[in-house]
Protein backbone atom coordinates (compact mmCIF):
# COMPACT_ATOMS: atom_id res chain seq x y z
CA MET A 1 111.38 80.70 103.74
CA ALA A 2 109.97 84.34 103.52
CA PRO A 3 107.82 86.06 105.81
CA GLY A 4 104.05 85.99 104.26
CA GLN A 5 105.03 82.05 103.43
CA LYS A 6 105.84 81.78 107.60
CA SER A 7 102.60 83.45 108.26
CA ILE A 8 100.52 80.95 105.98
CA GLU A 9 102.29 78.07 107.34
CA ARG A 10 101.35 79.39 111.28
CA ALA A 11 97.62 80.08 110.00
CA LEU A 12 97.88 76.71 108.33
CA VAL A 13 98.71 74.92 111.64
CA PHE A 14 95.51 77.06 113.63
CA LEU A 15 93.14 76.24 111.12
CA ALA A 16 93.90 72.71 111.29
CA ALA A 17 93.94 72.40 114.82
CA GLY A 18 91.02 73.90 115.35
CA GLN A 19 88.90 72.44 112.49
CA ALA A 20 86.38 69.69 114.25
CA ALA A 21 86.91 65.99 113.63
CA CYS A 22 83.91 66.25 111.22
CA GLY A 23 85.26 68.49 109.17
CA GLN A 24 82.89 71.37 110.28
CA ILE A 25 85.50 74.88 110.56
CA PRO A 26 83.99 76.02 113.56
CA VAL A 27 81.19 79.69 113.76
CA ARG A 28 80.40 81.61 117.05
CA THR A 29 77.06 83.46 117.11
CA GLY A 30 75.91 85.87 119.58
CA LEU A 31 74.76 89.80 119.47
CA GLN A 32 78.46 90.41 120.08
CA MET A 33 81.60 88.66 118.80
CA THR A 34 83.36 88.43 122.18
CA ILE A 35 84.36 84.54 123.51
CA ASP A 36 81.84 85.64 126.50
CA GLU A 37 78.98 86.40 124.76
CA THR A 38 78.61 84.03 121.64
CA THR A 39 78.09 80.31 121.37
CA ASP A 40 79.03 77.69 119.40
CA ASP A 41 76.33 77.48 116.24
CA PRO A 42 76.13 74.15 113.80
CA ALA A 43 75.77 76.03 110.92
CA ILE A 44 78.43 75.64 107.49
CA PHE A 45 78.08 78.61 105.83
CA ALA A 46 82.32 79.39 107.30
CA THR A 47 82.90 76.17 106.20
CA ALA A 48 82.76 76.74 103.04
CA LEU A 49 83.84 80.42 102.81
CA VAL A 50 87.19 79.23 104.55
CA ALA A 51 87.76 75.92 102.14
CA GLU A 52 87.05 77.97 98.74
CA ALA A 53 89.97 80.68 100.53
CA LEU A 54 92.01 78.54 100.60
CA ASP A 55 92.13 76.85 97.22
CA PRO A 56 95.19 78.32 95.52
CA ILE A 57 97.09 77.20 98.91
CA GLU A 58 99.56 74.20 98.03
CA HIS A 59 100.53 72.85 101.26
CA ARG A 60 99.73 69.75 102.99
CA LEU A 61 97.49 71.41 105.90
CA ALA A 62 95.54 72.98 103.29
CA ALA A 63 94.90 70.31 101.27
CA SER A 64 93.83 68.09 104.39
CA THR A 65 91.62 70.98 105.72
CA ARG A 66 89.45 71.75 102.19
CA ARG A 67 89.16 68.14 102.06
CA ARG A 68 87.48 67.36 105.00
CA ALA A 69 85.32 70.79 104.84
CA ALA A 70 84.20 69.59 101.28
CA ALA A 71 83.05 66.34 102.61
CA TYR A 72 81.47 67.48 105.68
CA LEU A 73 79.43 70.22 103.22
CA ARG A 74 79.07 66.93 100.82
CA SER A 75 76.89 64.79 104.18
CA HIS A 76 75.44 68.18 104.64
CA MET A 77 73.81 68.55 100.81
CA GLU A 78 70.16 68.02 100.26
CA GLU A 79 68.75 66.94 97.07
CA PRO A 80 68.45 68.36 94.17
CA GLY A 81 72.24 69.66 95.39
CA VAL A 82 71.06 72.47 97.71
CA TRP A 83 72.00 73.41 101.25
CA ARG A 84 70.98 75.67 104.15
CA HIS A 85 72.43 77.72 106.42
CA TRP A 86 72.09 75.23 109.56
CA THR A 87 72.83 71.80 110.33
CA ARG A 88 69.93 69.46 110.93
CA VAL A 89 71.08 69.10 114.54
CA HIS A 90 69.68 72.65 115.19
CA PRO A 91 66.38 73.32 116.85
CA GLN A 92 65.83 75.64 114.28
CA TYR A 93 67.04 73.79 111.31
CA HIS A 94 63.28 73.30 109.59
CA ALA A 95 62.35 76.90 110.03
CA LEU A 96 65.29 77.81 107.01
CA PRO A 97 64.65 76.94 103.48
CA PRO A 98 67.64 76.55 101.36
CA ASP A 99 69.34 79.46 100.62
CA LEU A 100 71.41 80.70 97.66
CA ASP A 101 74.02 81.79 99.15
CA ASP A 102 74.93 78.91 101.51
CA THR A 103 74.22 76.38 97.46
CA ALA A 104 76.40 78.80 95.85
CA CYS A 105 79.07 78.75 97.98
CA ALA A 106 78.96 75.08 99.06
CA SER A 107 79.36 74.14 95.68
CA VAL A 108 81.80 75.75 94.31
CA VAL A 109 84.10 73.58 96.81
CA LEU A 110 82.98 70.45 95.89
CA ARG A 111 83.49 71.75 92.89
CA HIS A 112 86.86 72.90 93.15
CA ALA A 113 87.40 69.43 95.54
CA GLY A 114 86.56 67.05 92.03
CA LEU A 115 83.47 65.86 95.15
CA PRO A 116 79.98 64.62 92.93
CA PHE A 117 76.70 66.34 93.44
CA PRO A 118 73.62 67.26 91.36
CA ASP A 119 73.59 69.95 88.25
CA ASN A 120 72.13 72.75 90.34
CA ARG A 121 72.43 75.60 87.55
CA ALA A 122 68.95 75.37 86.30
CA LEU A 123 67.31 75.20 90.02
CA LEU A 124 69.71 78.27 90.60
CA LEU A 125 68.83 80.10 87.38
CA GLY A 126 64.80 79.61 87.89
CA ASN A 127 65.35 81.23 91.28
CA ARG A 128 65.47 84.92 89.53
CA ASP A 129 62.84 88.08 89.84
CA ALA A 130 61.60 89.73 86.79
CA GLY A 131 64.59 91.52 86.25
CA GLY A 132 67.49 88.53 86.35
CA ARG A 133 68.43 89.29 90.17
CA PHE A 134 69.12 86.37 91.81
CA PHE A 135 66.43 86.13 94.79
CA THR A 136 67.71 84.73 98.14
CA TRP A 137 65.42 82.16 99.13
CA LEU A 138 65.06 78.91 97.28
CA VAL A 139 61.11 78.91 98.01
CA VAL A 140 57.65 79.41 96.07
CA ARG A 141 56.27 82.45 95.39
CA ARG A 142 53.19 83.89 93.67
CA GLY A 143 53.28 85.17 90.70
CA SER A 144 56.50 83.48 89.25
CA GLY A 145 55.44 81.43 86.97
CA VAL A 146 55.57 77.24 87.69
CA PRO A 147 57.57 76.32 90.08
CA SER A 148 60.23 73.67 88.75
CA ARG A 149 59.16 69.55 89.81
CA ALA A 150 62.92 70.31 92.09
CA LEU A 151 61.48 73.11 93.88
CA TRP A 152 58.00 72.14 94.55
CA ARG A 153 60.27 69.03 96.14
CA ILE A 154 61.69 71.58 98.27
CA ALA A 155 59.13 73.37 99.52
CA ALA A 156 57.12 70.34 100.07
CA ARG A 157 60.18 69.23 102.71
CA ARG A 158 59.67 72.43 104.53
CA LEU A 159 55.73 72.78 104.65
CA ALA A 160 55.82 69.69 106.13
CA ARG A 161 56.47 72.26 109.28
CA PRO A 162 54.41 74.98 108.59
CA VAL A 163 54.83 76.74 112.33
CA HIS A 164 58.70 77.01 112.30
CA ALA A 165 58.21 78.59 108.12
CA ARG A 166 55.91 80.97 109.25
CA LEU A 167 58.08 82.35 112.11
CA PHE A 168 60.91 82.69 109.97
CA TRP A 169 59.00 84.95 107.54
CA ARG A 170 57.90 86.84 110.36
CA THR A 171 60.90 87.28 112.37
CA SER A 172 64.28 87.39 110.01
CA ALA A 173 63.46 87.79 106.07
CA GLU A 174 61.02 87.82 102.86
CA PRO A 175 60.03 85.28 100.64
CA GLY A 176 61.37 87.95 97.87
CA ASP A 177 64.93 88.89 99.11
CA VAL A 178 67.48 90.39 96.97
CA ASP A 179 70.40 91.25 98.36
CA GLY A 180 73.52 91.85 96.63
CA ILE A 181 76.38 90.32 97.85
CA VAL A 182 74.33 87.13 97.83
CA ASN A 183 73.95 87.93 94.14
CA LEU A 184 77.56 88.30 93.86
CA ASN A 185 78.09 84.52 95.51
CA VAL A 186 75.57 83.44 92.94
CA LEU A 187 77.47 84.68 89.75
CA ALA A 188 80.81 83.78 91.49
CA TYR A 189 79.49 79.94 91.21
CA LEU A 190 77.83 80.07 87.83
CA GLY A 191 81.04 82.09 86.32
CA ASP A 192 80.18 84.36 83.14
CA GLY A 193 76.76 84.01 80.68
CA PRO A 194 73.74 85.42 79.57
CA HIS A 195 72.32 85.14 83.16
CA ALA A 196 75.03 87.59 84.38
CA GLY A 197 74.14 90.87 82.54
CA PRO A 198 71.70 92.10 84.94
CA VAL A 199 73.81 90.99 88.15
CA VAL A 200 76.47 93.34 86.78
CA ARG A 201 74.35 96.26 86.14
CA TYR A 202 73.10 95.53 89.55
CA ALA A 203 76.65 95.82 91.45
CA ARG A 204 77.22 98.11 89.15
CA GLN A 205 74.35 100.51 90.57
CA ILE A 206 75.02 99.74 94.14
CA LEU A 207 78.45 101.04 93.45
CA GLU A 208 77.08 104.45 92.08
CA ASP A 209 75.08 104.90 94.49
CA GLY A 210 77.54 104.05 97.07
CA ARG A 211 75.47 101.16 98.82
CA GLU A 212 77.54 98.82 99.70
CA ALA A 213 77.57 99.06 103.06
CA GLU A 214 73.49 98.82 102.67
CA CYS A 215 72.55 96.58 99.51
CA ASP A 216 72.56 92.80 101.47
CA SER A 217 70.56 91.92 104.83
CA TRP A 218 72.71 89.73 105.71
CA TYR A 219 76.14 91.36 105.53
CA ARG A 220 77.61 94.26 106.72
CA SER A 221 80.44 95.40 105.64
CA PRO A 222 81.41 97.49 101.89
CA PHE A 223 84.80 95.01 101.52
CA LEU A 224 82.65 92.17 101.48
CA PHE A 225 81.08 93.72 98.48
CA TYR A 226 84.41 94.33 96.60
CA ALA A 227 85.49 90.66 97.14
CA GLY A 228 82.17 89.77 95.66
CA LEU A 229 82.81 91.59 93.01
CA GLY A 230 86.73 90.36 92.53
CA ARG A 231 85.64 87.09 93.22
CA CYS A 232 83.28 87.50 90.05
CA VAL A 233 86.29 88.59 87.42
CA ALA A 234 88.55 85.81 88.62
CA ALA A 235 85.52 83.44 88.03
CA GLY A 236 85.30 84.96 84.24
CA VAL A 237 82.95 86.93 84.54
CA GLY A 238 82.37 90.19 82.66
CA GLY A 239 82.00 94.07 82.74
CA LEU A 240 82.97 93.86 86.13
CA SER A 241 86.37 94.96 85.99
CA GLU A 242 85.72 98.87 84.50
CA LEU A 243 84.46 99.29 88.29
CA ALA A 244 88.34 98.18 90.04
CA PRO A 245 89.91 102.24 89.70
CA THR A 246 86.14 102.61 91.76
CA VAL A 247 86.73 99.87 94.29
CA ARG A 248 90.61 100.80 94.44
CA GLU A 249 89.74 104.73 95.34
CA ARG A 250 87.35 103.62 98.20
CA ILE A 251 90.02 101.16 99.45
CA GLY A 252 92.40 103.09 99.49
CA ALA A 253 90.41 106.08 101.28
CA ALA A 254 89.23 103.49 103.96
CA ALA A 255 93.16 102.82 104.25
CA GLY A 256 95.50 103.79 107.45
CA SER A 257 99.36 104.15 107.13
CA ASP A 258 99.48 101.26 109.02
CA GLY A 259 98.32 99.28 106.26
CA GLN A 260 94.63 98.82 108.02
CA ILE A 261 91.57 98.99 106.13
CA GLY A 262 88.63 99.09 107.78
CA GLU A 263 88.24 98.10 110.95
CA GLY A 264 90.49 95.92 111.20
CA PRO A 265 92.11 92.24 110.21
CA LEU A 266 88.93 90.94 108.38
CA ASP A 267 88.30 94.42 106.48
CA THR A 268 91.86 94.08 105.40
CA ALA A 269 91.83 91.04 104.39
CA LEU A 270 88.65 90.95 101.99
CA ALA A 271 90.08 94.57 100.82
CA LEU A 272 93.42 92.70 99.61
CA ARG A 273 91.38 90.17 98.16
CA ALA A 274 89.64 92.07 96.31
CA LEU A 275 92.32 94.18 95.38
CA VAL A 276 94.52 90.82 93.80
CA ASP A 277 91.59 89.23 92.38
CA LEU A 278 90.57 92.52 90.08
CA GLY A 279 94.07 92.87 88.80
CA ILE A 280 95.07 95.69 91.13
CA GLU A 281 98.80 95.67 92.40
CA ASP A 282 100.46 98.30 94.36
CA ALA A 283 102.17 99.83 97.30
CA LEU A 284 98.70 99.59 99.32
CA CYS A 285 98.50 95.36 98.71
CA GLY A 286 101.56 95.17 100.03
CA ARG A 287 101.21 97.77 103.09
CA ALA A 288 97.87 95.36 104.03
CA SER A 289 100.10 92.33 103.67
CA ARG A 290 102.50 93.59 106.32
CA TYR A 291 100.20 95.12 108.29
CA LEU A 292 98.03 91.14 108.10
CA GLU A 293 101.86 89.76 109.04
CA ALA A 294 101.91 92.31 112.19
CA THR A 295 98.53 91.34 113.49
CA GLN A 296 98.42 87.52 113.03
CA GLN A 297 98.46 86.13 117.27
CA ASP A 298 100.84 83.89 118.75
CA ASP A 299 98.47 80.86 117.49
CA GLY A 300 98.74 81.60 114.56
CA GLY A 301 95.39 82.98 114.25
CA TRP A 302 93.64 86.05 113.87
CA SER A 303 90.88 88.08 116.17
CA ALA A 304 87.71 86.83 115.42
CA ALA A 305 84.72 89.97 113.55
CA PRO A 306 81.28 89.62 112.50
CA VAL A 307 81.28 88.10 108.98
CA TYR A 308 77.39 87.92 108.42
CA PHE A 309 74.69 88.99 110.66
CA GLY A 310 71.39 87.46 111.32
CA GLY A 311 68.68 89.14 109.49
CA PRO A 312 67.78 92.77 107.99
CA ARG A 313 69.84 96.31 109.78
CA HIS A 314 66.34 97.45 110.90
CA HIS A 315 65.74 94.62 113.56
CA PRO A 316 66.55 94.64 117.21
CA ASP A 317 68.45 92.59 118.68
CA VAL A 318 69.80 91.22 114.99
CA PRO A 319 72.54 87.94 116.22
CA CYS A 320 76.50 88.30 114.12
CA TRP A 321 78.55 84.93 112.52
CA GLY A 322 82.23 85.07 113.28
CA SER A 323 85.18 83.13 114.78
CA ARG A 324 88.90 83.38 114.88
CA GLU A 325 89.11 80.13 112.01
CA LEU A 326 86.75 82.26 109.93
CA THR A 327 89.12 85.28 110.37
CA THR A 328 92.06 83.33 110.24
CA GLY A 329 90.51 81.47 106.63
CA ILE A 330 89.97 84.66 105.07
CA CYS A 331 93.20 86.55 105.86
CA VAL A 332 95.46 83.37 104.67
CA GLY A 333 93.53 83.61 102.07
CA ALA A 334 94.48 86.62 100.69
CA LEU A 335 97.34 86.68 101.75
CA ALA A 336 97.81 83.33 99.57
CA ARG A 337 97.05 85.78 96.57
CA VAL A 338 99.52 88.21 96.14
CA PRO A 339 101.75 87.43 93.96
CA ASP A 340 105.48 87.10 95.01
């Protein structure tokens, strides 16, 4: 077995052991991503990210983890085919509206798993601003035209808890939020089409302005932006491949001689996946792969690092989310995509 395959199999064993009986991939939250300062969180997003990352791996453990994750996501779907970040057991579940990020990422997993779910494309396509960019939240907004019946049904469920609803807008977000990486995640689900142009132009402008780390309220890493671009290209979205040379240059500038890119294994894995999905196969990929193999821990996992955050960066004491399982899923997904 090749070294890379050994790393992949060890990571799959780690993930299978860490996955909860219900199918959830564990995720933790806190002000710092250390085991002593975080708590388990009943959220679905890590499960969607890991299941998607494992998609190309043909191994019984990967198949089992994906299958259980997809069933878990399907059990937390709300009509008409939408998801919100927290599950129903979270005390603040009713404060959150469904959102396009969780909905798009969960939908990708169910589609790959062949599990039936309502066609939510029209609902997502109807949730755009005047310029054609996707809003983050599925809510009724003033001045946005006549809401669909589906959107009214979603809004009615949340309006039954008005105190919770008002609290969220006061502390974490705005109904009109438009986020760069969220837009890429939605486009990676929807694929190419007339709707893609505004998001492609938005992404190109973000890259030209050097705002990869500042284009989204919930994500802080530029490598998540690069990985989002790569996922869109892999999904057949046109107009983004031309950005590959700029992405390669910026990733290369963040790379060390040992193969580490950015802050550690998580950033390295995100960058590696971006390079592969964008069709960039050079020495940088090889060094990044070897770095990931070298930093894999004895139990097959990688260290936890923040993947996303709980609100705009200007808010004080913003919590972050991550886990060893989430980092490991992203790392093994990147390694599995590197051509032999």
